[in-house]
Amino acid sequence: MTDTTTQRPDTGGRTPELHHAVGILQGLRADLFHDAFAYRPLAPMAADGPLTRRLPSRIRRYAVWAPHALVAATALLVFAVGYERSAFAPVALVPAVVVLLTLLRPVAAFWASLATAGVYAVFLGGGLIWAPAVFLAHLVVLAVVAARTRPRAAAWMWVLTAGYGMVSGTVLAAYDRDTTAQLLFFAALALLAITVWQVRRDAHEEVTAERTVTAQERSMRTLLEERTTIARELHDVVAHHMSVVAIQAEAAPYRVENAPPELEQAFATIRENAVAALTELRRVLGVVRAEDYEAPDAPQPTLADLDGLLANVRDAGLDVDKAVTGGVRELPQGVELSAYRIVQEALSNVLRHAPGASARVEIGYVLGGLGLRVVNGPPRGLVKPSPGAGHGITGMRERVAMLGGELTAEATGDGGYEVAAFIPVARDEAAA
């Protein structure tokens, strides 16, 4: 038979009610008793916060201390209220110091505020347990400490304040039910507002963190997709070269009369290695090939096919012209393919993001490599938001980085955009 008994958590022999009560008391101990006198200075505000970043730079460096200034001003107000009631500075100074203590030791300030209420009642003889200065000071302490801790601590402070007011009033015969009720009412409003603010802040931070992680994952996925696309395209280039090597190695012995056996064996080994490399290359392509990938039925494009590309984008409505400088020569197929794709992607970006703008493609054949520049003017039509994930620039950077070159993509001063790349080509590569 199957045992369907529900497994309950081990509570050490205690009932569930007692277990939850112990958990609540442990939370009280962790929030208000453990390291109650720990030194926790209030940090300044962030200079790039939603409020401070809107201020001028010369004011921003002082605005970060606004919370400290607000607490100090409140302490001064508490001192003024206490001095007006007692006319004795040391007595009026006690609650003000307690308010300032929240800047350094917040939990200790809460306990000191409760103790100050009893001291005031005893010192003033027959006075209220919540004298006006103590009333205001304790309300400020509750708000500041709640803002510096967590919502559970705010609830505990409110409960302890209610219990302390009733017990101290009974012991000291200075209990004023109305004043305690007023304090608890205003404290509940303040703590509720602070708790809602903390929950919203934590939720905003969590959402921001999730968005950051999502953006990083999207960027990595885009990068991998672009690298996979480049690998598929370069497969045809590499496979072509390897096929040529295999065919030439097989035909070479027949071009030499009375070829020695060692030479025939060497060419046979070259052909076998080339065929093996082709087989492994096809396996690699199978790893990076998508399920919906279709092999191209035409050779990969080169710079010789650039005029056809420009004709297509002109038919799509883009006014584009081309300028070629330097001695035109045939470059390695990988360089030709990457250069073609960079120009193709740059012109596609112009069509998507700069409607009505004109573009110019510049190709420079220099001694050490190939220079590319695609620049367009500002858009003249309505720019619609693009749902793309930034594949274009990422793909161009990956192609250039694969060939050891450099690429810059940035806005121009007139509101247009410029993509410039340089792809180095070694002398031996060009000769090959």
Protein backbone atom coordinates (compact mmCIF):
# COMPACT_ATOMS: atom_id res chain seq x y z
CA MET A 1 0.00 0.00 0.00
CA THR A 2 1.12 3.55 -0.62
CA ASP A 3 1.67 5.81 2.38
CA THR A 4 -0.22 9.04 1.69
CA THR A 5 0.46 10.64 5.06
CA THR A 6 1.32 14.33 4.64
CA GLN A 7 4.79 15.13 5.94
CA ARG A 8 4.69 18.08 8.33
CA PRO A 9 7.71 20.23 9.12
CA ASP A 10 9.60 19.37 12.26
CA THR A 11 8.56 21.84 14.97
CA GLY A 12 10.57 20.27 17.81
CA GLY A 13 7.47 18.83 19.50
CA ARG A 14 5.69 22.20 19.65
CA THR A 15 2.19 22.88 18.40
CA PRO A 16 1.85 24.95 15.21
CA GLU A 17 0.49 27.88 17.21
CA LEU A 18 3.47 27.84 19.55
CA HIS A 19 5.81 27.42 16.61
CA HIS A 20 4.43 30.56 14.92
CA ALA A 21 4.56 32.50 18.19
CA VAL A 22 8.22 31.60 18.62
CA GLY A 23 8.88 32.71 15.05
CA ILE A 24 7.24 36.06 15.71
CA LEU A 25 9.30 36.61 18.84
CA GLN A 26 12.45 35.69 16.95
CA GLY A 27 11.55 38.34 14.39
CA LEU A 28 11.17 40.89 17.18
CA ARG A 29 14.57 39.94 18.55
CA ALA A 30 16.23 40.16 15.15
CA ASP A 31 14.72 43.58 14.34
CA LEU A 32 14.90 45.50 17.62
CA PHE A 33 17.15 43.61 20.04
CA HIS A 34 19.96 42.09 18.02
CA ASP A 35 22.75 44.68 17.57
CA ALA A 36 20.38 47.39 18.78
CA PHE A 37 23.29 49.76 19.45
CA ALA A 38 25.09 49.04 16.17
CA TYR A 39 26.69 52.00 14.43
CA ARG A 40 24.78 52.52 11.18
CA PRO A 41 25.34 56.03 9.83
CA LEU A 42 22.83 57.31 7.32
CA ALA A 43 24.40 57.38 3.85
CA PRO A 44 23.89 60.42 1.60
CA MET A 45 21.40 60.27 -1.25
CA ALA A 46 22.48 59.10 -4.67
CA ALA A 47 23.66 61.95 -6.87
CA ASP A 48 21.86 60.44 -9.88
CA GLY A 49 18.55 59.84 -8.10
CA PRO A 50 15.20 60.81 -9.64
CA LEU A 51 15.19 64.12 -7.73
CA THR A 52 18.86 65.08 -7.39
CA ARG A 53 19.73 64.53 -11.05
CA ARG A 54 17.28 67.29 -12.04
CA LEU A 55 19.16 69.87 -9.99
CA PRO A 56 22.10 71.94 -11.24
CA SER A 57 25.48 70.30 -10.70
CA ARG A 58 26.66 72.91 -8.17
CA ILE A 59 23.58 72.28 -6.02
CA ARG A 60 23.52 68.51 -6.53
CA ARG A 61 26.57 67.84 -4.36
CA TYR A 62 24.86 69.52 -1.41
CA ALA A 63 21.40 68.08 -2.11
CA VAL A 64 22.62 64.56 -1.32
CA TRP A 65 22.68 65.58 2.36
CA ALA A 66 19.03 66.66 2.33
CA PRO A 67 17.83 63.78 4.61
CA HIS A 68 20.44 64.72 7.23
CA ALA A 69 19.44 68.37 7.05
CA LEU A 70 15.75 67.45 7.42
CA VAL A 71 16.42 65.36 10.54
CA ALA A 72 18.57 68.16 12.00
CA ALA A 73 15.82 70.71 11.35
CA THR A 74 13.28 68.43 13.02
CA ALA A 75 15.58 68.07 16.03
CA LEU A 76 15.80 71.86 16.27
CA LEU A 77 12.00 72.06 16.20
CA VAL A 78 11.76 69.46 18.99
CA PHE A 79 14.24 71.47 21.06
CA ALA A 80 12.20 74.64 20.54
CA VAL A 81 8.98 72.92 21.65
CA GLY A 82 10.65 71.43 24.72
CA TYR A 83 12.36 74.67 25.70
CA GLU A 84 9.09 76.57 25.45
CA ARG A 85 7.42 74.11 27.84
CA SER A 86 10.22 73.69 30.42
CA ALA A 87 12.44 76.77 29.96
CA PHE A 88 15.35 74.52 30.98
CA ALA A 89 17.75 73.85 28.12
CA PRO A 90 19.20 70.47 29.24
CA VAL A 91 15.71 68.98 29.58
CA ALA A 92 14.63 70.31 26.19
CA LEU A 93 17.87 69.06 24.64
CA VAL A 94 17.28 65.38 25.50
CA PRO A 95 14.55 64.59 22.94
CA ALA A 96 16.38 66.63 20.30
CA VAL A 97 19.52 64.52 20.82
CA VAL A 98 17.41 61.38 20.52
CA VAL A 99 16.17 62.58 17.12
CA LEU A 100 19.75 63.20 15.97
CA LEU A 101 20.72 59.74 17.20
CA THR A 102 18.62 58.23 14.40
CA LEU A 103 21.32 59.34 11.96
CA LEU A 104 23.92 57.07 13.61
CA ARG A 105 22.21 54.34 15.66
CA PRO A 106 18.57 54.07 14.51
CA VAL A 107 17.38 51.14 16.69
CA ALA A 108 19.09 52.57 19.77
CA ALA A 109 17.31 55.87 19.09
CA PHE A 110 13.94 54.10 19.31
CA TRP A 111 14.71 52.64 22.74
CA ALA A 112 16.16 55.96 23.88
CA SER A 113 12.96 57.72 22.79
CA LEU A 114 10.84 55.38 24.91
CA ALA A 115 13.13 55.93 27.88
CA THR A 116 12.96 59.70 27.38
CA ALA A 117 9.18 59.61 27.72
CA GLY A 118 9.48 58.06 31.20
CA VAL A 119 12.26 60.45 32.24
CA TYR A 120 10.16 63.42 31.17
CA ALA A 121 7.17 62.19 33.13
CA VAL A 122 9.27 61.75 36.28
CA PHE A 123 11.25 64.97 35.89
CA LEU A 124 8.23 67.15 35.23
CA GLY A 125 6.34 65.53 38.11
CA GLY A 126 2.81 64.65 37.24
CA GLY A 127 3.25 65.56 33.62
CA LEU A 128 1.99 63.53 30.73
CA ILE A 129 3.90 60.45 29.62
CA TRP A 130 3.82 61.95 26.16
CA ALA A 131 4.82 65.57 26.69
CA PRO A 132 4.62 67.74 23.54
CA ALA A 133 8.37 67.58 22.86
CA VAL A 134 8.49 63.85 23.53
CA PHE A 135 5.36 63.31 21.45
CA LEU A 136 6.91 65.05 18.44
CA ALA A 137 10.35 63.47 18.96
CA HIS A 138 8.98 59.94 19.22
CA LEU A 139 6.86 60.41 16.10
CA VAL A 140 9.92 61.57 14.15
CA VAL A 141 12.03 58.71 15.54
CA LEU A 142 9.43 56.15 14.49
CA ALA A 143 9.33 57.58 10.96
CA VAL A 144 13.11 57.80 10.51
CA VAL A 145 13.83 54.37 11.99
CA ALA A 146 11.06 52.78 9.93
CA ALA A 147 12.53 54.33 6.78
CA ARG A 148 15.95 52.93 7.67
CA THR A 149 14.79 49.41 8.55
CA ARG A 150 12.09 47.14 7.13
CA PRO A 151 8.27 47.07 7.41
CA ARG A 152 8.27 44.33 10.07
CA ALA A 153 10.36 46.52 12.36
CA ALA A 154 7.90 49.40 11.88
CA ALA A 155 5.03 47.17 13.02
CA TRP A 156 6.97 46.06 16.09
CA MET A 157 7.81 49.65 17.04
CA TRP A 158 4.14 50.64 16.84
CA VAL A 159 3.09 47.69 19.06
CA LEU A 160 5.83 48.39 21.61
CA THR A 161 4.90 52.08 21.69
CA ALA A 162 1.28 51.19 22.46
CA GLY A 163 2.28 48.76 25.21
CA TYR A 164 4.84 51.15 26.66
CA GLY A 165 2.34 53.98 26.78
CA MET A 166 -0.17 51.93 28.75
CA VAL A 167 2.30 50.28 31.11
CA SER A 168 4.31 53.43 31.82
CA GLY A 169 1.19 55.48 32.34
CA THR A 170 -0.07 52.98 34.90
CA VAL A 171 3.23 52.74 36.76
CA LEU A 172 3.92 56.46 36.74
CA ALA A 173 0.28 57.48 37.19
CA ALA A 174 0.70 59.70 34.18
CA TYR A 175 -1.40 57.88 31.63
CA ASP A 176 -3.39 60.01 29.24
CA ARG A 177 -5.53 57.79 27.04
CA ASP A 178 -6.28 60.52 24.52
CA THR A 179 -2.64 61.53 24.01
CA THR A 180 -1.53 57.91 23.56
CA ALA A 181 -4.34 57.31 21.08
CA GLN A 182 -3.33 60.41 19.11
CA LEU A 183 0.30 59.31 19.02
CA LEU A 184 -0.65 55.83 17.85
CA PHE A 185 -2.96 57.24 15.18
CA PHE A 186 -0.37 59.61 13.69
CA ALA A 187 2.34 56.98 14.02
CA ALA A 188 0.19 54.47 12.15
CA LEU A 189 -0.33 56.93 9.29
CA ALA A 190 3.38 57.74 9.08
CA LEU A 191 4.47 54.10 9.29
CA LEU A 192 1.88 53.04 6.72
CA ALA A 193 3.07 55.68 4.27
CA ILE A 194 6.71 54.70 4.79
CA THR A 195 5.91 51.01 4.41
CA VAL A 196 4.10 51.62 1.13
CA TRP A 197 7.08 53.67 -0.08
CA GLN A 198 9.50 50.89 0.89
CA VAL A 199 7.41 48.24 -0.86
CA ARG A 200 7.28 50.33 -4.02
CA ARG A 201 11.02 51.02 -3.84
CA ASP A 202 11.86 47.35 -3.40
CA ALA A 203 9.53 46.39 -6.23
CA HIS A 204 11.11 49.01 -8.49
CA GLU A 205 14.60 47.76 -7.65
CA GLU A 206 13.55 44.18 -8.33
CA VAL A 207 12.00 45.11 -11.66
CA THR A 208 15.10 47.12 -12.59
CA ALA A 209 17.34 44.17 -11.73
CA GLU A 210 15.16 41.82 -13.78
CA ARG A 211 15.22 44.21 -16.73
CA THR A 212 19.00 44.45 -16.49
CA VAL A 213 19.35 40.68 -16.49
CA THR A 214 16.87 40.40 -19.37
CA ALA A 215 18.77 43.02 -21.38
CA GLN A 216 22.04 41.19 -20.80
CA GLU A 217 20.52 37.88 -21.83
CA ARG A 218 18.99 39.48 -24.92
CA SER A 219 22.33 41.03 -25.82
CA MET A 220 24.11 37.70 -25.39
CA ARG A 221 21.46 35.90 -27.44
CA THR A 222 21.78 38.50 -30.18
CA LEU A 223 25.55 38.11 -30.16
CA LEU A 224 25.31 34.33 -30.44
CA GLU A 225 22.76 34.57 -33.23
CA GLU A 226 25.01 36.89 -35.20
CA ARG A 227 28.02 34.66 -34.69
CA THR A 228 25.97 31.68 -35.85
CA THR A 229 24.90 33.56 -38.98
CA ILE A 230 28.51 34.49 -39.73
CA ALA A 231 29.59 30.88 -39.22
CA ARG A 232 26.95 29.64 -41.68
CA GLU A 233 28.02 32.14 -44.33
CA LEU A 234 31.73 31.49 -43.93
CA HIS A 235 31.07 27.75 -44.22
CA ASP A 236 30.53 28.16 -47.96
CA VAL A 237 33.73 30.16 -48.33
CA VAL A 238 35.84 27.64 -46.42
CA ALA A 239 34.16 24.67 -48.11
CA HIS A 240 34.94 26.17 -51.51
CA HIS A 241 38.64 26.51 -50.69
CA MET A 242 38.84 23.02 -49.24
CA SER A 243 37.09 21.57 -52.33
CA VAL A 244 39.58 23.33 -54.57
CA VAL A 245 42.45 21.91 -52.53
CA ALA A 246 41.02 18.38 -52.80
CA ILE A 247 40.49 18.64 -56.57
CA GLN A 248 43.94 20.12 -57.23
CA ALA A 249 45.59 17.50 -55.05
CA GLU A 250 43.83 14.73 -56.98
CA ALA A 251 44.66 16.21 -60.39
CA ALA A 252 48.25 17.25 -59.67
CA PRO A 253 49.91 13.81 -60.17
CA TYR A 254 48.43 13.57 -63.68
CA ARG A 255 50.09 16.83 -64.68
CA VAL A 256 53.52 15.47 -63.95
CA GLU A 257 55.01 12.82 -66.21
CA ASN A 258 56.52 9.88 -64.41
CA ALA A 259 55.66 11.31 -60.99
CA PRO A 260 57.55 9.53 -58.22
CA PRO A 261 55.48 7.41 -55.83
CA GLU A 262 56.38 9.70 -52.91
CA LEU A 263 54.82 12.68 -54.71
CA GLU A 264 51.68 10.74 -55.56
CA GLN A 265 51.39 9.61 -51.96
CA ALA A 266 51.83 13.20 -50.72
CA PHE A 267 49.06 14.48 -52.97
CA ALA A 268 46.82 11.59 -51.96
CA THR A 269 47.37 12.48 -48.30
CA ILE A 270 46.54 16.13 -49.00
CA ARG A 271 43.33 15.10 -50.74
CA GLU A 272 42.34 12.78 -47.89
CA ASN A 273 42.94 15.53 -45.33
CA ALA A 274 40.94 18.03 -47.38
CA VAL A 275 37.99 15.62 -47.69
CA ALA A 276 38.16 14.87 -43.97
CA ALA A 277 38.19 18.59 -43.21
CA LEU A 278 35.13 19.07 -45.41
CA THR A 279 33.32 16.31 -43.55
CA GLU A 280 34.10 17.84 -40.17
CA LEU A 281 33.12 21.27 -41.46
CA ARG A 282 29.70 19.96 -42.45
CA ARG A 283 29.29 18.54 -38.94
CA VAL A 284 30.16 21.91 -37.43
CA LEU A 285 27.60 23.58 -39.66
CA GLY A 286 25.02 21.07 -38.47
CA VAL A 287 25.64 22.17 -34.89
CA VAL A 288 25.05 25.87 -35.58
CA ARG A 289 22.33 25.42 -38.18
CA ALA A 290 18.83 26.46 -37.14
CA GLU A 291 15.88 24.18 -37.73
CA ASP A 292 14.49 26.52 -40.38
CA TYR A 293 17.86 27.14 -42.04
CA GLU A 294 17.99 26.72 -45.78
CA ALA A 295 21.31 26.41 -47.53
CA PRO A 296 21.89 29.16 -50.12
CA ASP A 297 21.47 28.14 -53.73
CA ALA A 298 23.97 30.74 -54.97
CA PRO A 299 27.56 31.69 -54.12
CA GLN A 300 28.07 34.09 -51.24
CA PRO A 301 28.10 37.74 -52.43
CA THR A 302 31.24 39.84 -52.81
CA LEU A 303 31.98 43.50 -53.43
CA ALA A 304 31.53 42.83 -57.14
CA ASP A 305 27.82 42.36 -56.40
CA LEU A 306 27.53 45.70 -54.63
CA ASP A 307 26.00 47.49 -57.63
CA GLY A 308 23.09 45.06 -57.57
CA LEU A 309 22.56 45.75 -53.87
CA LEU A 310 22.54 49.51 -54.47
CA ALA A 311 20.04 49.08 -57.29
CA ASN A 312 17.72 47.17 -54.96
CA VAL A 313 17.81 49.83 -52.23
CA ARG A 314 17.23 52.55 -54.81
CA ASP A 315 14.10 50.68 -55.88
CA ALA A 316 13.06 50.70 -52.22
CA GLY A 317 13.23 54.52 -52.22
CA LEU A 318 16.71 55.22 -50.85
CA ASP A 319 18.83 57.79 -52.69
CA VAL A 320 22.36 56.32 -52.46
CA ASP A 321 25.57 56.79 -54.38
CA LYS A 322 28.91 54.99 -54.30
CA ALA A 323 32.52 56.15 -54.38
CA VAL A 324 35.53 53.86 -54.79
CA THR A 325 39.09 54.99 -54.18
CA GLY A 326 42.38 53.15 -54.55
CA GLY A 327 43.32 50.27 -56.80
CA VAL A 328 40.43 47.84 -57.00
CA ARG A 329 41.67 44.31 -56.48
CA GLU A 330 40.31 40.95 -55.47
CA LEU A 331 40.44 40.35 -51.72
CA PRO A 332 40.01 37.15 -49.71
CA GLN A 333 36.48 35.85 -49.93
CA GLY A 334 35.91 36.22 -46.18
CA VAL A 335 36.81 39.91 -46.39
CA GLU A 336 34.67 40.44 -49.48
CA LEU A 337 31.67 38.73 -47.87
CA SER A 338 31.97 40.65 -44.60
CA ALA A 339 32.37 43.98 -46.42
CA TYR A 340 29.27 43.28 -48.49
CA ARG A 341 27.23 42.34 -45.41
CA ILE A 342 28.34 45.45 -43.53
CA VAL A 343 27.24 47.72 -46.38
CA GLN A 344 24.00 45.76 -46.72
CA GLU A 345 23.15 46.06 -43.03
CA ALA A 346 24.11 49.74 -42.88
CA LEU A 347 21.81 50.57 -45.81
CA SER A 348 19.01 48.51 -44.24
CA ASN A 349 19.36 50.58 -41.08
CA VAL A 350 19.05 53.75 -43.14
CA LEU A 351 15.81 52.49 -44.67
CA ARG A 352 14.39 51.57 -41.24
CA HIS A 353 15.59 54.44 -39.08
CA ALA A 354 16.09 57.39 -41.46
CA PRO A 355 13.19 57.50 -43.95
CA GLY A 356 13.70 60.04 -46.71
CA ALA A 357 17.41 60.45 -46.02
CA SER A 358 20.13 60.08 -48.64
CA ALA A 359 23.14 57.81 -48.17
CA ARG A 360 26.66 57.47 -49.50
CA VAL A 361 28.82 54.35 -49.65
CA GLU A 362 32.59 54.84 -49.78
CA ILE A 363 35.03 51.99 -50.40
CA GLY A 364 38.75 52.56 -50.10
CA TYR A 365 41.35 50.03 -51.24
CA VAL A 366 44.53 50.83 -49.35
CA LEU A 367 47.82 49.03 -49.01
CA GLY A 368 47.04 47.37 -45.67
CA GLY A 369 43.40 46.49 -46.14
CA LEU A 370 39.94 47.75 -47.01
CA GLY A 371 38.13 50.82 -45.71
CA LEU A 372 34.35 51.16 -45.63
CA ARG A 373 32.17 54.14 -44.83
CA VAL A 374 28.39 54.36 -45.04
CA VAL A 375 26.93 57.73 -44.03
CA ASN A 376 23.41 59.08 -44.26
CA GLY A 377 21.77 62.42 -43.58
CA PRO A 378 19.01 63.19 -41.08
CA PRO A 379 15.60 61.57 -41.60
CA ARG A 380 13.02 63.62 -43.45
CA GLY A 381 9.98 61.48 -42.70
CA LEU A 382 8.28 60.08 -39.63
CA VAL A 383 10.62 57.73 -37.76
CA LYS A 384 8.62 54.77 -36.47
CA PRO A 385 9.89 52.86 -33.43
CA SER A 386 11.78 49.76 -34.50
CA PRO A 387 11.11 46.46 -32.72
CA GLY A 388 14.58 45.16 -33.55
CA ALA A 389 16.93 43.89 -30.87
CA GLY A 390 20.05 45.64 -32.16
CA HIS A 391 21.20 42.82 -34.44
CA GLY A 392 22.60 45.18 -37.08
CA ILE A 393 25.38 46.96 -35.21
CA THR A 394 26.20 43.80 -33.24
CA GLY A 395 26.55 41.78 -36.43
CA MET A 396 28.78 44.38 -38.07
CA ARG A 397 31.04 44.55 -35.02
CA GLU A 398 31.33 40.77 -34.91
CA ARG A 399 32.28 40.56 -38.58
CA VAL A 400 34.95 43.22 -38.26
CA ALA A 401 36.30 41.81 -34.99
CA MET A 402 36.53 38.34 -36.57
CA LEU A 403 38.85 39.79 -39.22
CA GLY A 404 40.89 41.82 -36.73
CA GLY A 405 39.54 45.18 -37.86
CA GLU A 406 37.87 48.17 -36.25
CA LEU A 407 34.37 49.62 -36.59
CA THR A 408 32.72 52.79 -35.37
CA ALA A 409 29.01 53.53 -35.54
CA GLU A 410 27.83 56.89 -34.26
CA ALA A 411 25.54 59.81 -34.99
CA THR A 412 26.84 62.73 -37.02
CA GLY A 413 26.57 66.38 -36.15
CA ASP A 414 23.77 67.07 -38.62
CA GLY A 415 21.48 64.36 -37.20
CA GLY A 416 22.54 61.58 -39.54
CA TYR A 417 24.50 58.41 -38.87
CA GLU A 418 27.88 57.06 -39.91
CA VAL A 419 29.28 53.54 -40.00
CA ALA A 420 33.02 53.33 -40.67
CA ALA A 421 35.12 50.17 -40.71
CA PHE A 422 38.62 49.13 -41.60
CA ILE A 423 39.42 45.49 -42.37
CA PRO A 424 43.13 44.68 -42.50
CA VAL A 425 44.38 42.39 -45.25
CA ALA A 426 47.88 41.02 -45.07
CA ARG A 427 50.00 41.08 -48.22
CA ASP A 428 50.22 37.32 -48.43
CA GLU A 429 46.43 37.00 -48.06
CA ALA A 430 45.84 39.43 -50.90
CA ALA A 431 48.31 37.58 -53.09
CA ALA A 432 46.59 34.28 -52.36
